[in-house]
C-alpha atoms as a PDB file:
ATOM      1  CA  MET A   1     252.248 -32.214  51.919  1.00  0.00           C
ATOM      2  CA  ASN A   2     251.616 -34.509  54.520  1.00  0.00           C
ATOM      3  CA  GLN A   3     248.401 -33.940  56.483  1.00  0.00           C
ATOM      4  CA  ASN A   4     249.978 -33.121  59.738  1.00  0.00           C
ATOM      5  CA  TYR A   5     251.855 -30.373  58.087  1.00  0.00           C
ATOM      6  CA  LEU A   6     249.043 -28.738  56.978  1.00  0.00           C
ATOM      7  CA  ARG A   7     247.194 -29.075  60.474  1.00  0.00           C
ATOM      8  CA  ILE A   8     250.465 -27.090  62.134  1.00  0.00           C
ATOM      9  CA  THR A   9     250.555 -24.900  59.092  1.00  0.00           C
ATOM     10  CA  ARG A  10     247.013 -23.652  59.413  1.00  0.00           C
ATOM     11  CA  GLU A  11     246.865 -23.452  63.308  1.00  0.00           C
ATOM     12  CA  GLY A  12     249.991 -21.165  63.687  1.00  0.00           C
ATOM     13  CA  LEU A  13     248.763 -18.925  60.701  1.00  0.00           C
ATOM     14  CA  TRP A  14     245.157 -19.222  61.160  1.00  0.00           C
ATOM     15  CA  ASP A  15     243.146 -21.324  63.662  1.00  0.00           C
ATOM     16  CA  ASN A  16     245.399 -20.783  66.624  1.00  0.00           C
ATOM     17  CA  ASN A  17     247.063 -17.513  65.798  1.00  0.00           C
ATOM     18  CA  VAL A  18     248.860 -16.333  68.818  1.00  0.00           C
ATOM     19  CA  VAL A  19     247.192 -12.638  68.811  1.00  0.00           C
ATOM     20  CA  PHE A  20     244.103 -13.475  66.757  1.00  0.00           C
ATOM     21  CA  VAL A  21     242.969 -16.378  68.483  1.00  0.00           C
ATOM     22  CA  GLN A  22     244.974 -16.770  71.589  1.00  0.00           C
ATOM     23  CA  ILE A  23     245.001 -13.675  72.889  1.00  0.00           C
ATOM     24  CA  LEU A  24     248.495 -14.050  74.492  1.00  0.00           C
ATOM     25  CA  ALA A  25     251.673 -11.624  73.777  1.00  0.00           C
ATOM     26  CA  LEU A  26     249.473  -8.440  74.186  1.00  0.00           C
ATOM     27  CA  CYS A  27     251.709  -6.739  76.400  1.00  0.00           C
ATOM     28  CA  PRO A  28     254.559  -6.425  72.907  1.00  0.00           C
ATOM     29  CA  THR A  29     251.582  -6.372  70.734  1.00  0.00           C
ATOM     30  CA  MET A  30     250.264  -3.073  72.469  1.00  0.00           C
ATOM     31  CA  ALA A  31     253.664  -1.581  72.725  1.00  0.00           C
ATOM     32  CA  VAL A  32     256.070  -2.093  69.417  1.00  0.00           C
ATOM     33  CA  THR A  33     253.053  -1.445  67.008  1.00  0.00           C
ATOM     34  CA  SER A  34     252.711   1.671  66.286  1.00  0.00           C
ATOM     35  CA  THR A  35     254.524   1.154  63.075  1.00  0.00           C
ATOM     36  CA  ALA A  36     254.723  -1.765  60.603  1.00  0.00           C
ATOM     37  CA  THR A  37     258.241  -2.018  60.916  1.00  0.00           C
ATOM     38  CA  HIS A  38     258.781  -2.540  64.550  1.00  0.00           C
ATOM     39  CA  GLY A  39     255.804  -5.064  64.244  1.00  0.00           C
ATOM     40  CA  LEU A  40     258.070  -6.480  62.163  1.00  0.00           C
ATOM     41  CA  GLY A  41     261.218  -6.584  63.685  1.00  0.00           C
ATOM     42  CA  MET A  42     259.776  -7.909  67.477  1.00  0.00           C
ATOM     43  CA  GLY A  43     258.134 -10.796  65.130  1.00  0.00           C
ATOM     44  CA  LEU A  44     261.508 -11.998  63.417  1.00  0.00           C
ATOM     45  CA  ALA A  45     262.297 -11.605  66.907  1.00  0.00           C
ATOM     46  CA  THR A  46     259.804 -14.157  68.823  1.00  0.00           C
ATOM     47  CA  MET A  47     259.920 -16.166  65.551  1.00  0.00           C
ATOM     48  CA  ALA A  48     263.437 -17.208  66.109  1.00  0.00           C
ATOM     49  CA  VAL A  49     263.122 -18.059  69.861  1.00  0.00           C
ATOM     50  CA  LEU A  50     259.986 -19.928  69.586  1.00  0.00           C
ATOM     51  CA  THR A  51     261.375 -21.905  66.656  1.00  0.00           C
ATOM     52  CA  ILE A  52     265.302 -23.281  67.942  1.00  0.00           C
ATOM     53  CA  SER A  53     263.540 -23.310  71.384  1.00  0.00           C
ATOM     54  CA  ASN A  54     260.976 -25.668  70.083  1.00  0.00           C
ATOM     55  CA  LEU A  55     263.501 -27.922  68.255  1.00  0.00           C
ATOM     56  CA  LEU A  56     265.995 -28.027  71.778  1.00  0.00           C
ATOM     57  CA  ILE A  57     262.947 -28.813  73.674  1.00  0.00           C
ATOM     58  CA  SER A  58     261.864 -31.448  71.493  1.00  0.00           C
ATOM     59  CA  ALA A  59     265.342 -32.612  71.085  1.00  0.00           C
ATOM     60  CA  VAL A  60     266.147 -33.552  74.897  1.00  0.00           C
ATOM     61  CA  ARG A  61     262.277 -34.451  75.577  1.00  0.00           C
ATOM     62  CA  HIS A  62     263.645 -38.159  76.572  1.00  0.00           C
ATOM     63  CA  TRP A  63     265.990 -36.896  78.744  1.00  0.00           C
ATOM     64  CA  VAL A  64     264.647 -34.269  80.424  1.00  0.00           C
ATOM     65  CA  SER A  65     262.213 -35.762  83.410  1.00  0.00           C
ATOM     66  CA  SER A  66     258.675 -34.294  84.314  1.00  0.00           C
ATOM     67  CA  GLU A  67     259.797 -32.527  87.528  1.00  0.00           C
ATOM     68  CA  VAL A  68     262.636 -30.489  86.179  1.00  0.00           C
ATOM     69  CA  ARG A  69     261.007 -29.920  82.931  1.00  0.00           C
ATOM     70  CA  ILE A  70     259.878 -25.633  82.835  1.00  0.00           C
ATOM     71  CA  PRO A  71     263.006 -24.758  84.669  1.00  0.00           C
ATOM     72  CA  VAL A  72     264.989 -26.133  81.646  1.00  0.00           C
ATOM     73  CA  TYR A  73     262.544 -24.784  79.371  1.00  0.00           C
ATOM     74  CA  VAL A  74     263.252 -21.520  80.379  1.00  0.00           C
ATOM     75  CA  VAL A  75     267.012 -22.217  80.632  1.00  0.00           C
ATOM     76  CA  PHE A  76     266.993 -22.276  76.658  1.00  0.00           C
ATOM     77  CA  ILE A  77     263.948 -20.243  76.271  1.00  0.00           C
ATOM     78  CA  ALA A  78     266.764 -17.029  78.417  1.00  0.00           C
ATOM     79  CA  ALA A  79     269.525 -18.107  76.569  1.00  0.00           C
ATOM     80  CA  LEU A  80     267.954 -17.673  72.970  1.00  0.00           C
ATOM     81  CA  VAL A  81     266.560 -14.071  74.270  1.00  0.00           C
ATOM     82  CA  THR A  82     270.126 -12.858  75.255  1.00  0.00           C
ATOM     83  CA  LEU A  83     271.697 -14.065  72.538  1.00  0.00           C
ATOM     84  CA  ILE A  84     268.846 -12.352  69.806  1.00  0.00           C
ATOM     85  CA  ASP A  85     269.086  -9.202  72.490  1.00  0.00           C
ATOM     86  CA  MET A  86     272.576  -9.053  71.381  1.00  0.00           C
ATOM     87  CA  SER A  87     272.498  -9.411  67.930  1.00  0.00           C
ATOM     88  CA  VAL A  88     269.813  -7.056  67.329  1.00  0.00           C
ATOM     89  CA  ASN A  89     271.727  -4.273  69.641  1.00  0.00           C
ATOM     90  CA  ALA A  90     275.121  -5.057  67.310  1.00  0.00           C
ATOM     91  CA  TRP A  91     273.393  -4.907  63.699  1.00  0.00           C
ATOM     92  CA  ALA A  92     270.138  -2.897  63.866  1.00  0.00           C
ATOM     93  CA  HIS A  93     270.955  -0.778  67.281  1.00  0.00           C
ATOM     94  CA  GLU A  94     268.532   2.234  66.485  1.00  0.00           C
ATOM     95  CA  LEU A  95     265.658  -0.488  66.279  1.00  0.00           C
ATOM     96  CA  TYR A  96     267.318  -1.894  69.650  1.00  0.00           C
ATOM     97  CA  LYS A  97     266.453   1.806  70.834  1.00  0.00           C
ATOM     98  CA  VAL A  98     262.933   0.855  70.684  1.00  0.00           C
ATOM     99  CA  LEU A  99     262.395  -2.657  70.909  1.00  0.00           C
ATOM    100  CA  GLY A 100     265.478  -3.259  73.028  1.00  0.00           C
ATOM    101  CA  LEU A 101     263.350  -3.320  76.915  1.00  0.00           C
ATOM    102  CA  PHE A 102     260.657  -6.010  74.759  1.00  0.00           C
ATOM    103  CA  ILE A 103     263.209  -8.541  72.953  1.00  0.00           C
ATOM    104  CA  ALA A 104     264.128  -8.610  76.867  1.00  0.00           C
ATOM    105  CA  LEU A 105     261.024 -10.035  77.963  1.00  0.00           C
ATOM    106  CA  ILE A 106     260.356 -12.141  74.906  1.00  0.00           C
ATOM    107  CA  VAL A 107     261.657 -14.686  78.050  1.00  0.00           C
ATOM    108  CA  VAL A 108     258.493 -14.350  79.639  1.00  0.00           C
ATOM    109  CA  ASN A 109     256.341 -14.744  76.597  1.00  0.00           C
ATOM    110  CA  CYS A 110     253.316 -16.938  77.893  1.00  0.00           C
ATOM    111  CA  ALA A 111     253.013 -17.812  73.829  1.00  0.00           C
ATOM    112  CA  ILE A 112     256.486 -19.156  73.807  1.00  0.00           C
ATOM    113  CA  LEU A 113     256.524 -21.267  77.070  1.00  0.00           C
ATOM    114  CA  GLY A 114     253.152 -22.502  75.973  1.00  0.00           C
ATOM    115  CA  ARG A 115     254.238 -23.766  72.596  1.00  0.00           C
ATOM    116  CA  ALA A 116     257.096 -25.702  74.422  1.00  0.00           C
ATOM    117  CA  GLU A 117     254.680 -27.687  77.487  1.00  0.00           C
ATOM    118  CA  ALA A 118     251.915 -28.403  75.231  1.00  0.00           C
ATOM    119  CA  PHE A 119     253.246 -29.084  72.015  1.00  0.00           C
ATOM    120  CA  ALA A 120     257.137 -29.370  71.215  1.00  0.00           C
ATOM    121  CA  SER A 121     258.172 -31.830  74.454  1.00  0.00           C
ATOM    122  CA  LYS A 122     255.266 -34.409  73.141  1.00  0.00           C
ATOM    123  CA  VAL A 123     256.347 -34.314  69.320  1.00  0.00           C
ATOM    124  CA  GLY A 124     259.536 -34.934  66.886  1.00  0.00           C
ATOM    125  CA  MET A 125     261.815 -32.545  65.471  1.00  0.00           C
ATOM    126  CA  LEU A 126     260.060 -31.736  62.498  1.00  0.00           C
ATOM    127  CA  GLU A 127     256.896 -30.957  63.756  1.00  0.00           C
ATOM    128  CA  ALA A 128     258.196 -28.962  66.755  1.00  0.00           C
ATOM    129  CA  ILE A 129     260.206 -26.861  64.284  1.00  0.00           C
ATOM    130  CA  LEU A 130     257.368 -26.406  62.034  1.00  0.00           C
ATOM    131  CA  ASP A 131     255.093 -25.377  64.528  1.00  0.00           C
ATOM    132  CA  GLY A 132     257.591 -22.762  65.791  1.00  0.00           C
ATOM    133  CA  LEU A 133     257.823 -21.310  62.310  1.00  0.00           C
ATOM    134  CA  MET A 134     254.267 -21.355  61.535  1.00  0.00           C
ATOM    135  CA  MET A 135     253.425 -19.878  64.827  1.00  0.00           C
ATOM    136  CA  GLY A 136     255.896 -17.474  64.604  1.00  0.00           C
ATOM    137  CA  PHE A 137     254.957 -16.255  61.267  1.00  0.00           C
ATOM    138  CA  GLY A 138     251.538 -16.072  62.176  1.00  0.00           C
ATOM    139  CA  PHE A 139     252.691 -14.047  65.423  1.00  0.00           C
ATOM    140  CA  THR A 140     254.528 -11.424  62.926  1.00  0.00           C
ATOM    141  CA  LEU A 141     252.109 -11.368  60.311  1.00  0.00           C
ATOM    142  CA  ALA A 142     249.809 -10.664  63.378  1.00  0.00           C
ATOM    143  CA  LEU A 143     251.819  -7.441  64.481  1.00  0.00           C
ATOM    144  CA  VAL A 144     252.578  -6.324  61.248  1.00  0.00           C
ATOM    145  CA  ILE A 145     248.881  -5.921  60.158  1.00  0.00           C
ATOM    146  CA  ILE A 146     248.101  -4.454  63.293  1.00  0.00           C
ATOM    147  CA  GLY A 147     250.900  -1.785  63.222  1.00  0.00           C
ATOM    148  CA  ALA A 148     250.293  -1.103  59.467  1.00  0.00           C
ATOM    149  CA  VAL A 149     246.751  -0.434  60.760  1.00  0.00           C
ATOM    150  CA  ARG A 150     248.067   2.134  63.688  1.00  0.00           C
ATOM    151  CA  GLU A 151     250.412   3.754  61.036  1.00  0.00           C
ATOM    152  CA  ILE A 152     248.422   4.674  58.784  1.00  0.00           C
ATOM    153  CA  LEU A 153     246.028   6.064  60.759  1.00  0.00           C
ATOM    154  CA  GLY A 154     248.713   7.343  63.309  1.00  0.00           C
ATOM    155  CA  SER A 155     250.847   9.148  60.789  1.00  0.00           C
ATOM    156  CA  GLY A 156     249.610   8.823  57.398  1.00  0.00           C
ATOM    157  CA  THR A 157     253.126   6.678  56.503  1.00  0.00           C
ATOM    158  CA  LEU A 158     253.747   2.414  55.774  1.00  0.00           C
ATOM    159  CA  PHE A 159     257.274   0.890  56.929  1.00  0.00           C
ATOM    160  CA  THR A 160     259.099   3.761  58.103  1.00  0.00           C
ATOM    161  CA  GLU A 161     262.097   3.517  59.474  1.00  0.00           C
ATOM    162  CA  ALA A 162     262.181  -0.004  57.564  1.00  0.00           C
ATOM    163  CA  HIS A 163     266.252   0.445  56.339  1.00  0.00           C
ATOM    164  CA  LEU A 164     266.924   0.322  60.198  1.00  0.00           C
ATOM    165  CA  LEU A 165     265.932  -3.615  60.270  1.00  0.00           C
ATOM    166  CA  LEU A 166     266.189  -4.225  56.809  1.00  0.00           C
ATOM    167  CA  GLY A 167     269.220  -2.554  55.549  1.00  0.00           C
ATOM    168  CA  GLU A 168     269.245   0.551  52.781  1.00  0.00           C
ATOM    169  CA  MET A 169     268.340  -2.249  50.131  1.00  0.00           C
ATOM    170  CA  PHE A 170     264.834  -2.525  51.413  1.00  0.00           C
ATOM    171  CA  ALA A 171     264.114   2.035  52.089  1.00  0.00           C
ATOM    172  CA  PHE A 172     261.835   1.426  48.792  1.00  0.00           C
ATOM    173  CA  LEU A 173     259.598   0.315  51.741  1.00  0.00           C
ATOM    174  CA  GLU A 174     258.960   3.478  53.231  1.00  0.00           C
ATOM    175  CA  ILE A 175     256.028   5.428  51.835  1.00  0.00           C
ATOM    176  CA  THR A 176     254.153   7.955  52.503  1.00  0.00           C
ATOM    177  CA  LEU A 177     250.381   7.606  51.855  1.00  0.00           C
ATOM    178  CA  ILE A 178     249.081  10.389  53.094  1.00  0.00           C
ATOM    179  CA  PRO A 179     251.237  13.680  52.144  1.00  0.00           C
ATOM    180  CA  GLU A 180     250.710  16.701  54.513  1.00  0.00           C
ATOM    181  CA  TYR A 181     248.950  14.097  57.227  1.00  0.00           C
ATOM    182  CA  LYS A 182     248.580  16.208  60.304  1.00  0.00           C
ATOM    183  CA  GLY A 183     248.380  12.543  62.099  1.00  0.00           C
ATOM    184  CA  PHE A 184     246.017  10.854  64.600  1.00  0.00           C
ATOM    185  CA  LEU A 185     248.184  10.736  68.013  1.00  0.00           C
ATOM    186  CA  LEU A 186     245.534   8.011  69.850  1.00  0.00           C
ATOM    187  CA  MET A 187     246.138   5.573  67.314  1.00  0.00           C
ATOM    188  CA  LEU A 188     249.686   5.606  67.870  1.00  0.00           C
ATOM    189  CA  LEU A 189     249.118   5.174  71.438  1.00  0.00           C
ATOM    190  CA  PRO A 190     248.220   1.933  73.193  1.00  0.00           C
ATOM    191  CA  PRO A 191     244.755   2.899  72.787  1.00  0.00           C
ATOM    192  CA  GLY A 192     244.890   2.438  69.319  1.00  0.00           C
ATOM    193  CA  GLY A 193     246.320  -1.118  69.724  1.00  0.00           C
ATOM    194  CA  PHE A 194     243.615  -2.150  71.372  1.00  0.00           C
ATOM    195  CA  LEU A 195     241.064  -0.846  68.986  1.00  0.00           C
ATOM    196  CA  THR A 196     242.669  -1.849  65.931  1.00  0.00           C
ATOM    197  CA  LEU A 197     243.021  -5.195  68.010  1.00  0.00           C
ATOM    198  CA  GLY A 198     239.213  -5.323  68.636  1.00  0.00           C
ATOM    199  CA  PHE A 199     238.248  -4.472  65.070  1.00  0.00           C
ATOM    200  CA  LEU A 200     240.446  -6.834  63.425  1.00  0.00           C
ATOM    201  CA  LEU A 201     239.160  -9.413  66.154  1.00  0.00           C
ATOM    202  CA  ALA A 202     235.073  -8.548  64.911  1.00  0.00           C
ATOM    203  CA  GLY A 203     236.626  -8.488  60.914  1.00  0.00           C
ATOM    204  CA  LYS A 204     238.331 -12.429  61.564  1.00  0.00           C
ATOM    205  CA  ARG A 205     235.097 -13.508  63.157  1.00  0.00           C
ATOM    206  CA  VAL A 206     232.614 -12.034  60.392  1.00  0.00           C
ATOM    207  CA  LEU A 207     234.781 -13.579  57.754  1.00  0.00           C
ATOM    208  CA  GLU A 208     235.103 -16.920  59.688  1.00  0.00           C
ATOM    209  CA  THR A 209     231.024 -17.113  59.930  1.00  0.00           C
ATOM    210  CA  ARG A 210     230.436 -16.374  56.102  1.00  0.00           C
ATOM    211  CA  LEU A 211     232.962 -18.851  55.211  1.00  0.00           C
ATOM    212  CA  SER A 212     231.501 -21.236  57.582  1.00  0.00           C
ATOM    213  CA  THR A 213     228.072 -20.300  55.642  1.00  0.00           C
ATOM    214  CA  THR A 214     228.922 -20.596  52.220  1.00  0.00           C
ATOM    215  CA  SER A 215     230.609 -23.721  52.816  1.00  0.00           C
ATOM    216  CA  THR A 216     227.295 -25.085  54.449  1.00  0.00           C
ATOM    217  CA  VAL A 217     225.503 -24.194  51.347  1.00  0.00           C
ATOM    218  CA  LEU A 218     227.712 -25.858  48.614  1.00  0.00           C
ATOM    219  CA  GLN A 219     227.605 -28.913  50.199  1.00  0.00           C
ATOM    220  CA  PRO A 220     226.304 -31.908  47.696  1.00  0.00           C
ATOM    221  CA  ILE A 221     222.176 -33.275  49.119  1.00  0.00           C
ATOM    222  CA  SER A 222     222.855 -36.776  49.533  1.00  0.00           C
ATOM    223  CA  VAL A 223     220.061 -38.993  48.190  1.00  0.00           C
END
């Protein structure tokens, strides 16, 4: 794969992850990750908006003057969020009852406008699409991981109500990991989200430090 594409992929998933590195979009991250399914739903909606908005902004970058670029970006993002909001309402209405308010708030998600301004407006369409996909996938992955940890510790289940988002075929994902578990309410509330995010950030930092140390030790000695 082209080295530039590899760099974009790595930045979206790990080096510049929206949640674990940029610490952006924390409002939906704390609010909707009480279950892994809710995190997955919000992540997929955000990834769709991010990818398509990157594509549109890259396509029109030579025709939009710098004075009006931000209003134009906001119009694109708002139109896409409206379409996603209506689609989720139509095809996953039960999930929409939980995520509805936060889907509309994707319009003001600083991660999306930030990628439009910092990246999509300066590169070609292929790079912009890949950046949107990887940044969106990294965001989705972060929400699912946080949601899974909170759901397991909070209620002893995993991917509950997955059939509402993915259809009846994916009902097998709904697992009760701890039968007769009475639950730990704190993990399902926003403070549980902050605690989970804090431990995951610490784990990522420890892992990066160990990988860096190992890489330094294994470097060959020049003669």
